[in-house]
Amino acid sequence: MKITYELSEIDAVADQILKTVNSKTLLFQGEMGAGKTTLIKALAKKLNVFDITASPTYGFVNVYESETGETINHFDFYRLNSEEEAYDIGIEEYFYGNSWNFIEWPSKAISIIPEESDCISIEKINENERVLIIGSKEK
């Protein structure tokens, strides 16, 4: 699925994503500044989480509870040096519960991410417009 959108439409895009994906593990790919964290904040808002303030770049994962009791794990692997570091944070425990997992920079640990994940690629067209493609996990 391909969606072209303006940033002002991000809440509607978040709705479309939640209706389209087949998995609760979503992999976000795109260059720095493409809007991965911004989209994750919109998705979390749709899932009734309102306390996401920033990407978890330095701690690798932030865990949020929604008002409905769902858990959202927001990973940022940008600074991950090896898959061993992901194992050190207990990553497999996050993946095999019933939580949502939103992962930025998944290529840093792609072999340990569940196969049934959905990939969301974001391309920046200009300061206000993005193209998003939803597909299956790329190996």
C-alpha atoms as a PDB file:
ATOM      1  CA  MET A   1       0.000   0.000   0.000  1.00  0.00           C
ATOM      2  CA  LYS A   2       1.318   3.439  -0.938  1.00  0.00           C
ATOM      3  CA  ILE A   3       0.118   6.690   0.665  1.00  0.00           C
ATOM      4  CA  THR A   4       1.177  10.222  -0.235  1.00  0.00           C
ATOM      5  CA  TYR A   5       0.319  12.689   2.502  1.00  0.00           C
ATOM      6  CA  GLU A   6       0.961  16.096   3.978  1.00  0.00           C
ATOM      7  CA  LEU A   7       2.042  16.354   7.614  1.00  0.00           C
ATOM      8  CA  SER A   8      -1.316  17.928   8.508  1.00  0.00           C
ATOM      9  CA  GLU A   9      -2.933  14.609   7.495  1.00  0.00           C
ATOM     10  CA  ILE A  10      -0.780  12.421   9.740  1.00  0.00           C
ATOM     11  CA  ASP A  11      -3.635  11.425  12.092  1.00  0.00           C
ATOM     12  CA  ALA A  12      -5.661  10.074   9.155  1.00  0.00           C
ATOM     13  CA  VAL A  13      -2.568   8.224   7.908  1.00  0.00           C
ATOM     14  CA  ALA A  14      -2.127   6.666  11.371  1.00  0.00           C
ATOM     15  CA  ASP A  15      -5.740   5.429  11.189  1.00  0.00           C
ATOM     16  CA  GLN A  16      -5.085   3.882   7.760  1.00  0.00           C
ATOM     17  CA  ILE A  17      -1.951   2.138   9.004  1.00  0.00           C
ATOM     18  CA  LEU A  18      -3.707   0.624  12.019  1.00  0.00           C
ATOM     19  CA  LYS A  19      -6.486  -0.684   9.751  1.00  0.00           C
ATOM     20  CA  THR A  20      -4.019  -2.074   7.181  1.00  0.00           C
ATOM     21  CA  VAL A  21      -1.199  -3.791   9.073  1.00  0.00           C
ATOM     22  CA  ASN A  22      -1.244  -7.520   9.780  1.00  0.00           C
ATOM     23  CA  SER A  23       1.098  -7.402  12.755  1.00  0.00           C
ATOM     24  CA  LYS A  24       1.665  -5.457  15.959  1.00  0.00           C
ATOM     25  CA  THR A  25       5.376  -5.166  15.132  1.00  0.00           C
ATOM     26  CA  LEU A  26       5.950  -2.255  12.765  1.00  0.00           C
ATOM     27  CA  LEU A  27       9.344  -1.470  11.260  1.00  0.00           C
ATOM     28  CA  PHE A  28       9.948   2.166  10.342  1.00  0.00           C
ATOM     29  CA  GLN A  29      12.495   2.907   7.635  1.00  0.00           C
ATOM     30  CA  GLY A  30      13.504   6.222   6.177  1.00  0.00           C
ATOM     31  CA  GLU A  31      16.294   8.737   6.209  1.00  0.00           C
ATOM     32  CA  MET A  32      17.001  10.919   9.217  1.00  0.00           C
ATOM     33  CA  GLY A  33      14.273  13.568   9.382  1.00  0.00           C
ATOM     34  CA  ALA A  34      11.769  11.645   7.251  1.00  0.00           C
ATOM     35  CA  GLY A  35       9.212  11.637  10.060  1.00  0.00           C
ATOM     36  CA  LYS A  36       9.455   8.188  11.637  1.00  0.00           C
ATOM     37  CA  THR A  37       9.127   9.431  15.221  1.00  0.00           C
ATOM     38  CA  THR A  38       6.383  11.878  14.245  1.00  0.00           C
ATOM     39  CA  LEU A  39       4.377   9.052  12.689  1.00  0.00           C
ATOM     40  CA  ILE A  40       4.964   6.832  15.724  1.00  0.00           C
ATOM     41  CA  LYS A  41       3.617   9.606  17.964  1.00  0.00           C
ATOM     42  CA  ALA A  42       0.472   9.798  15.795  1.00  0.00           C
ATOM     43  CA  LEU A  43       0.034   6.008  15.960  1.00  0.00           C
ATOM     44  CA  ALA A  44       0.477   6.049  19.738  1.00  0.00           C
ATOM     45  CA  LYS A  45      -2.100   8.816  20.020  1.00  0.00           C
ATOM     46  CA  LYS A  46      -4.569   6.671  18.035  1.00  0.00           C
ATOM     47  CA  LEU A  47      -3.837   3.836  20.492  1.00  0.00           C
ATOM     48  CA  ASN A  48      -4.637   6.184  23.417  1.00  0.00           C
ATOM     49  CA  VAL A  49      -1.053   6.929  24.519  1.00  0.00           C
ATOM     50  CA  PHE A  50      -0.419  10.602  25.081  1.00  0.00           C
ATOM     51  CA  ASP A  51       2.938  10.756  26.880  1.00  0.00           C
ATOM     52  CA  ILE A  52       5.453  10.074  24.090  1.00  0.00           C
ATOM     53  CA  THR A  53       7.848  12.994  24.020  1.00  0.00           C
ATOM     54  CA  ALA A  54      10.897  11.798  22.088  1.00  0.00           C
ATOM     55  CA  SER A  55      12.552   8.897  20.358  1.00  0.00           C
ATOM     56  CA  PRO A  56      14.367   6.515  22.730  1.00  0.00           C
ATOM     57  CA  THR A  57      17.698   6.962  20.935  1.00  0.00           C
ATOM     58  CA  TYR A  58      19.909   6.640  24.006  1.00  0.00           C
ATOM     59  CA  GLY A  59      18.062   3.875  25.857  1.00  0.00           C
ATOM     60  CA  PHE A  60      17.020   1.873  22.757  1.00  0.00           C
ATOM     61  CA  VAL A  61      13.445   1.406  24.036  1.00  0.00           C
ATOM     62  CA  ASN A  62      10.707   3.415  25.731  1.00  0.00           C
ATOM     63  CA  VAL A  63       7.648   1.579  27.031  1.00  0.00           C
ATOM     64  CA  TYR A  64       4.262   3.301  27.147  1.00  0.00           C
ATOM     65  CA  GLU A  65       0.919   2.186  28.532  1.00  0.00           C
ATOM     66  CA  SER A  66      -2.248   3.277  26.783  1.00  0.00           C
ATOM     67  CA  GLU A  67      -5.351   4.426  28.577  1.00  0.00           C
ATOM     68  CA  THR A  68      -6.928   1.121  27.511  1.00  0.00           C
ATOM     69  CA  GLY A  69      -4.118  -0.973  29.036  1.00  0.00           C
ATOM     70  CA  GLU A  70      -2.200  -1.791  25.860  1.00  0.00           C
ATOM     71  CA  THR A  71       1.580  -1.591  25.911  1.00  0.00           C
ATOM     72  CA  ILE A  72       3.573   0.140  23.191  1.00  0.00           C
ATOM     73  CA  ASN A  73       7.315  -0.505  22.938  1.00  0.00           C
ATOM     74  CA  HIS A  74       9.084   2.190  20.935  1.00  0.00           C
ATOM     75  CA  PHE A  75      12.562   1.108  19.823  1.00  0.00           C
ATOM     76  CA  ASP A  76      15.218   3.239  18.162  1.00  0.00           C
ATOM     77  CA  PHE A  77      18.184   1.162  16.996  1.00  0.00           C
ATOM     78  CA  TYR A  78      20.079   4.023  15.364  1.00  0.00           C
ATOM     79  CA  ARG A  79      22.900   3.794  17.917  1.00  0.00           C
ATOM     80  CA  LEU A  80      22.817  -0.001  18.190  1.00  0.00           C
ATOM     81  CA  ASN A  81      26.301  -1.353  17.480  1.00  0.00           C
ATOM     82  CA  SER A  82      25.427  -5.036  17.251  1.00  0.00           C
ATOM     83  CA  GLU A  83      22.546  -7.456  17.571  1.00  0.00           C
ATOM     84  CA  GLU A  84      24.183  -8.605  20.808  1.00  0.00           C
ATOM     85  CA  GLU A  85      23.269  -5.223  22.322  1.00  0.00           C
ATOM     86  CA  ALA A  86      19.630  -5.884  21.409  1.00  0.00           C
ATOM     87  CA  TYR A  87      19.793  -9.230  23.189  1.00  0.00           C
ATOM     88  CA  ASP A  88      21.302  -7.451  26.206  1.00  0.00           C
ATOM     89  CA  ILE A  89      18.126  -5.372  26.604  1.00  0.00           C
ATOM     90  CA  GLY A  90      15.997  -8.543  26.458  1.00  0.00           C
ATOM     91  CA  ILE A  91      14.526  -7.771  23.071  1.00  0.00           C
ATOM     92  CA  GLU A  92      12.946 -11.180  22.534  1.00  0.00           C
ATOM     93  CA  GLU A  93      10.733 -10.633  25.598  1.00  0.00           C
ATOM     94  CA  TYR A  94       9.265  -7.512  24.001  1.00  0.00           C
ATOM     95  CA  PHE A  95       8.462  -9.233  20.700  1.00  0.00           C
ATOM     96  CA  TYR A  96       6.584 -12.245  21.952  1.00  0.00           C
ATOM     97  CA  GLY A  97       3.978 -10.608  24.161  1.00  0.00           C
ATOM     98  CA  ASN A  98       0.799  -8.946  22.971  1.00  0.00           C
ATOM     99  CA  SER A  99       2.343  -5.472  22.835  1.00  0.00           C
ATOM    100  CA  TRP A 100       2.732  -3.108  19.931  1.00  0.00           C
ATOM    101  CA  ASN A 101       6.367  -2.794  18.841  1.00  0.00           C
ATOM    102  CA  PHE A 102       7.384   0.261  16.828  1.00  0.00           C
ATOM    103  CA  ILE A 103      10.986  -0.031  15.637  1.00  0.00           C
ATOM    104  CA  GLU A 104      13.052   2.741  14.076  1.00  0.00           C
ATOM    105  CA  TRP A 105      16.221   1.700  12.182  1.00  0.00           C
ATOM    106  CA  PRO A 106      15.260  -2.027  12.175  1.00  0.00           C
ATOM    107  CA  SER A 107      18.065  -2.964   9.770  1.00  0.00           C
ATOM    108  CA  LYS A 108      20.474  -2.825  12.734  1.00  0.00           C
ATOM    109  CA  ALA A 109      18.838  -5.984  14.200  1.00  0.00           C
ATOM    110  CA  ILE A 110      16.803  -7.366  11.310  1.00  0.00           C
ATOM    111  CA  SER A 111      17.590 -11.051  11.879  1.00  0.00           C
ATOM    112  CA  ILE A 112      16.085 -11.045  15.391  1.00  0.00           C
ATOM    113  CA  ILE A 113      12.892  -9.179  14.499  1.00  0.00           C
ATOM    114  CA  PRO A 114       9.844 -11.449  13.984  1.00  0.00           C
ATOM    115  CA  GLU A 115       9.165 -12.448  10.366  1.00  0.00           C
ATOM    116  CA  GLU A 116       5.497 -11.466  10.630  1.00  0.00           C
ATOM    117  CA  SER A 117       6.398  -7.774  11.017  1.00  0.00           C
ATOM    118  CA  ASP A 118       5.081  -5.027   8.755  1.00  0.00           C
ATOM    119  CA  CYS A 119       7.514  -2.557   7.204  1.00  0.00           C
ATOM    120  CA  ILE A 120       6.654   1.112   6.829  1.00  0.00           C
ATOM    121  CA  SER A 121       9.012   3.053   4.567  1.00  0.00           C
ATOM    122  CA  ILE A 122       8.813   6.833   4.612  1.00  0.00           C
ATOM    123  CA  GLU A 123      10.291   9.099   1.972  1.00  0.00           C
ATOM    124  CA  LYS A 124      10.475  12.849   2.389  1.00  0.00           C
ATOM    125  CA  ILE A 125       9.253  14.658  -0.727  1.00  0.00           C
ATOM    126  CA  ASN A 126       9.604  18.156   0.758  1.00  0.00           C
ATOM    127  CA  GLU A 127       9.227  19.808   4.167  1.00  0.00           C
ATOM    128  CA  ASN A 128       5.489  19.110   4.222  1.00  0.00           C
ATOM    129  CA  GLU A 129       4.905  16.024   2.061  1.00  0.00           C
ATOM    130  CA  ARG A 130       5.787  12.335   2.510  1.00  0.00           C
ATOM    131  CA  VAL A 131       5.311   9.066   0.652  1.00  0.00           C
ATOM    132  CA  LEU A 132       4.720   6.008   2.799  1.00  0.00           C
ATOM    133  CA  ILE A 133       4.769   2.382   1.678  1.00  0.00           C
ATOM    134  CA  ILE A 134       3.481  -0.478   3.844  1.00  0.00           C
ATOM    135  CA  GLY A 135       4.873  -3.899   3.068  1.00  0.00           C
ATOM    136  CA  SER A 136       6.285  -7.071   4.579  1.00  0.00           C
ATOM    137  CA  LYS A 137       9.520  -7.310   6.539  1.00  0.00           C
ATOM    138  CA  GLU A 138      12.564  -7.194   4.294  1.00  0.00           C
ATOM    139  CA  LYS A 139      15.340  -9.619   5.106  1.00  0.00           C
END
